[in-house]
Structures are given as structure tokens and as C-alpha cells.
N, C-alpha and C. Protein backbone atom coordinates (compact mmCIF):
# COMPACT_ATOMS: atom_id res chain seq x y z
N UNK A 1 118.22 141.28 129.70
CA UNK A 1 119.84 141.86 129.44
C UNK A 1 119.83 143.05 129.06
N UNK A 2 120.90 143.37 129.63
CA UNK A 2 121.00 145.08 129.14
C UNK A 2 121.28 145.14 127.46
N UNK A 3 121.06 146.48 127.37
CA UNK A 3 121.34 146.79 125.97
C UNK A 3 122.42 147.13 125.16
N UNK A 4 123.38 147.09 126.21
CA UNK A 4 124.82 146.82 125.45
C UNK A 4 124.94 145.84 125.06
N UNK A 5 124.70 144.23 125.74
CA UNK A 5 125.38 143.36 125.60
C UNK A 5 124.23 142.52 124.42
N UNK A 6 124.91 141.97 123.32
CA UNK A 6 123.83 141.33 122.51
C UNK A 6 123.87 139.70 123.43
N UNK A 7 122.85 139.49 122.33
CA UNK A 7 122.10 138.33 122.91
C UNK A 7 122.82 137.27 122.64
N UNK A 8 122.75 136.16 122.99
CA UNK A 8 122.91 135.23 121.78
C UNK A 8 121.80 134.05 121.80
N UNK A 9 121.91 133.51 120.66
CA UNK A 9 120.92 132.55 120.74
C UNK A 9 121.06 130.93 121.90
N UNK A 10 122.18 130.57 121.59
CA UNK A 10 122.99 129.67 122.14
C UNK A 10 123.89 130.04 123.60
N UNK A 11 123.29 129.58 124.67
CA UNK A 11 123.65 129.71 125.99
C UNK A 11 124.86 130.10 126.20
N UNK A 12 125.89 128.03 125.32
CA UNK A 12 127.11 128.08 125.34
C UNK A 12 128.18 128.91 124.71
N UNK A 13 127.35 129.45 123.75
CA UNK A 13 128.13 130.57 122.85
C UNK A 13 128.57 131.78 123.81
N UNK A 14 127.99 132.11 124.79
CA UNK A 14 127.77 133.20 126.03
C UNK A 14 128.39 132.74 126.70
N UNK A 15 128.74 131.64 127.18
CA UNK A 15 129.47 131.34 128.34
C UNK A 15 130.79 130.96 127.72
N UNK A 16 131.24 130.40 126.07
CA UNK A 16 132.40 130.38 126.34
C UNK A 16 132.55 131.54 126.21
N UNK A 17 132.02 132.61 125.73
CA UNK A 17 132.89 133.51 125.50
C UNK A 17 133.03 134.74 126.85
N UNK A 18 132.30 133.94 127.63
CA UNK A 18 133.15 134.09 129.06
C UNK A 18 134.17 133.30 129.21
N UNK A 19 133.84 132.43 129.10
CA UNK A 19 136.24 131.59 129.56
C UNK A 19 136.61 132.61 128.87
N UNK A 20 136.52 132.71 127.58
CA UNK A 20 137.37 133.21 127.02
C UNK A 20 138.13 134.93 127.35
N UNK A 21 136.62 135.64 127.90
CA UNK A 21 137.47 136.69 128.45
C UNK A 21 137.99 137.26 129.49
N UNK A 22 137.60 135.78 130.60
CA UNK A 22 138.41 135.72 131.49
C UNK A 22 139.90 135.19 131.70
N UNK A 23 140.18 134.40 130.62
CA UNK A 23 141.38 133.58 130.57
C UNK A 23 142.45 135.39 130.11
N UNK A 24 141.66 136.24 129.04
CA UNK A 24 142.05 137.13 128.59
C UNK A 24 142.45 138.28 129.65
N UNK A 25 141.72 138.33 130.00
CA UNK A 25 141.88 139.32 131.95
C UNK A 25 142.48 138.55 132.53
N UNK A 26 142.69 136.77 132.95
CA UNK A 26 144.23 137.06 133.44
C UNK A 26 145.49 136.56 132.51
N UNK A 27 144.89 136.48 131.36
CA UNK A 27 147.13 137.41 130.75
C UNK A 27 147.47 138.63 131.36
N UNK A 28 145.75 139.58 130.72
CA UNK A 28 146.38 140.94 131.05
C UNK A 28 147.05 141.12 132.06
N UNK A 29 146.38 141.12 133.74
CA UNK A 29 146.53 140.89 134.75
C UNK A 29 148.42 140.58 134.50
N UNK A 30 148.23 139.14 134.16
CA UNK A 30 149.81 138.99 134.76
C UNK A 30 150.33 139.61 134.03
N UNK A 31 150.39 140.34 132.58
CA UNK A 31 151.38 141.12 132.36
C UNK A 31 151.84 142.33 132.75
N UNK A 32 151.00 142.55 133.00
CA UNK A 32 150.62 143.96 134.17
C UNK A 32 151.19 144.27 134.81
N UNK A 33 151.17 142.89 136.04
CA UNK A 33 151.52 143.09 137.51
C UNK A 33 153.48 142.47 137.58
N UNK A 34 153.24 141.68 136.57
CA UNK A 34 155.03 141.51 136.31
C UNK A 34 156.04 143.15 135.13
N UNK A 35 154.88 143.33 134.73
CA UNK A 35 155.41 144.66 134.72
C UNK A 35 155.95 145.75 136.04
N UNK A 36 154.89 146.17 136.89
CA UNK A 36 154.81 146.43 137.42
C UNK A 36 155.95 146.18 138.48
N UNK A 37 156.10 144.83 139.02
CA UNK A 37 157.67 144.57 139.27
C UNK A 37 158.39 144.76 139.13
N UNK A 38 158.82 144.84 137.90
CA UNK A 38 159.61 145.13 137.19
C UNK A 38 160.60 146.51 137.56
N UNK A 39 159.17 146.94 137.24
CA UNK A 39 159.73 148.92 137.75
C UNK A 39 159.86 149.09 138.70
N UNK A 40 159.66 147.74 139.81
CA UNK A 40 160.26 148.30 141.37
C UNK A 40 158.76 147.92 142.27
N UNK A 41 157.54 148.64 142.10
CA UNK A 41 156.22 148.53 142.42
C UNK A 41 156.67 147.76 143.48
N UNK A 42 155.90 148.09 144.80
CA UNK A 42 155.87 147.18 145.55
C UNK A 42 154.60 146.14 145.56
N UNK A 43 154.33 145.09 146.14
CA UNK A 43 153.31 144.57 146.65
C UNK A 43 152.43 145.43 147.17
N UNK A 44 152.31 146.24 147.56
CA UNK A 44 150.73 146.58 148.24
C UNK A 44 150.71 147.62 147.14
N UNK A 45 151.52 148.40 146.51
CA UNK A 45 150.95 149.30 145.57
C UNK A 45 150.06 148.46 144.31
N UNK A 46 150.92 147.39 143.75
CA UNK A 46 149.80 146.65 142.70
C UNK A 46 148.65 146.13 143.84
N UNK A 47 148.54 145.14 145.00
CA UNK A 47 147.87 145.20 145.63
C UNK A 47 146.45 146.45 145.38
N UNK A 48 146.58 147.22 145.50
CA UNK A 48 145.64 148.55 145.79
C UNK A 48 144.86 148.67 144.99
N UNK A 49 146.36 149.02 143.33
CA UNK A 49 145.80 148.82 141.96
C UNK A 49 145.00 147.66 141.43
N UNK A 50 145.37 146.99 141.97
CA UNK A 50 144.26 145.70 141.43
C UNK A 50 142.60 145.62 142.37
N UNK A 51 142.93 146.67 143.58
CA UNK A 51 141.94 146.71 144.41
C UNK A 51 141.55 144.91 145.63
N UNK A 52 142.51 144.88 145.39
CA UNK A 52 143.24 143.25 146.36
C UNK A 52 144.00 143.20 147.68
N UNK A 53 144.14 142.41 148.32
CA UNK A 53 145.08 142.24 149.18
C UNK A 53 146.00 141.96 148.52
N UNK A 54 147.39 142.51 149.37
CA UNK A 54 148.50 141.95 149.38
C UNK A 54 148.35 140.54 148.85
N UNK A 55 148.01 140.17 150.09
CA UNK A 55 148.37 138.32 150.23
C UNK A 55 147.78 137.88 149.24
N UNK A 56 146.81 138.42 148.26
CA UNK A 56 145.91 137.84 147.28
C UNK A 56 146.76 138.41 146.44
N UNK A 57 146.95 138.76 145.97
CA UNK A 57 148.38 139.30 144.88
C UNK A 57 149.73 138.70 144.93
N UNK A 58 150.11 138.25 146.43
CA UNK A 58 151.34 137.82 146.40
C UNK A 58 150.99 137.02 146.22
N UNK A 59 150.12 135.64 146.15
CA UNK A 59 149.65 134.14 146.54
C UNK A 59 149.61 133.93 145.11
N UNK A 60 148.85 135.01 144.30
CA UNK A 60 148.59 134.53 142.81
C UNK A 60 149.77 134.67 142.17
N UNK A 61 150.44 135.49 142.59
CA UNK A 61 151.57 135.87 141.12
C UNK A 61 152.80 135.68 141.39
N UNK A 62 153.86 135.32 142.67
CA UNK A 62 154.53 135.41 143.06
C UNK A 62 155.84 133.95 142.71
N UNK A 63 154.55 133.07 142.19
CA UNK A 63 155.24 131.42 141.69
C UNK A 63 155.94 131.44 140.66
N UNK A 64 155.02 132.75 139.55
CA UNK A 64 154.88 132.52 138.02
C UNK A 64 156.46 133.64 138.10
N UNK A 65 156.45 135.15 138.94
CA UNK A 65 157.51 135.93 139.34
C UNK A 65 158.54 135.58 138.68
N UNK A 66 159.07 134.82 139.65
CA UNK A 66 160.31 134.08 140.26
C UNK A 66 160.62 133.45 139.39
N UNK A 67 159.70 132.31 138.83
CA UNK A 67 159.81 132.24 137.40
C UNK A 67 160.20 132.43 136.19
N UNK A 68 159.98 133.54 136.08
CA UNK A 68 159.80 134.59 134.97
C UNK A 68 161.39 135.52 135.31
N UNK A 69 161.98 135.61 137.00
CA UNK A 69 163.71 135.75 136.98
C UNK A 69 163.28 137.63 137.15
N UNK A 70 162.00 137.52 137.68
CA UNK A 70 161.84 138.90 138.45
C UNK A 70 162.33 138.72 139.79
N UNK A 71 163.20 139.97 139.74
CA UNK A 71 163.80 140.42 140.97
C UNK A 71 162.36 140.73 142.00
N UNK A 72 162.41 140.88 142.84
CA UNK A 72 160.94 140.97 143.68
C UNK A 72 161.48 141.79 145.01
N UNK A 73 160.42 142.77 145.67
CA UNK A 73 161.00 143.96 146.78
C UNK A 73 160.90 143.00 148.08
N UNK A 74 161.70 142.87 148.90
CA UNK A 74 161.15 142.40 150.05
C UNK A 74 160.99 143.52 151.30
N UNK A 75 160.02 143.15 152.24
CA UNK A 75 159.35 143.99 152.99
C UNK A 75 160.91 144.73 153.81
N UNK A 76 160.39 146.14 154.09
CA UNK A 76 161.86 146.61 155.22
C UNK A 76 161.30 146.90 156.51
């Protein structure tokens, strides 16, 4: 293991920490994507910032953003 990551005695504890971090990362991504879209960013801009395709970010976030009342930019 890396010297920067403390080793736990219980694998279950380490795996639970991974799950918690993934949930937190998803929440942070949701909030950041919503903030960017409310600020007028395009899908390609958000995708580039996240290092994914436009299609991937659209598929993951569009329904939630619409439900949240975010006005989304249309392709021009």
C-alpha cells in the first residue's frame, strides 16, 4: 500500500470508506455540473472539464437538471 494511505485492519472498513468517497464525489459532481449549467455552460464545456464525453455527461445529468428546473442550452 502507499505510504500516504493508512492501512486498516478490516477490509470491510476500507471498502466502506471507498463507497462513502464515491458517494461524496457523485454529490460534488452533481452540484458542480448544476452550478456550471446554471451559469450558462454548454454540455461540451462541462464534459471537457470532467474529462468525459458530452454524451456521457448529458446522459448522467440531464434528467436531474430538468427536474431541478435548470434551463439547459440547446445545440445551435
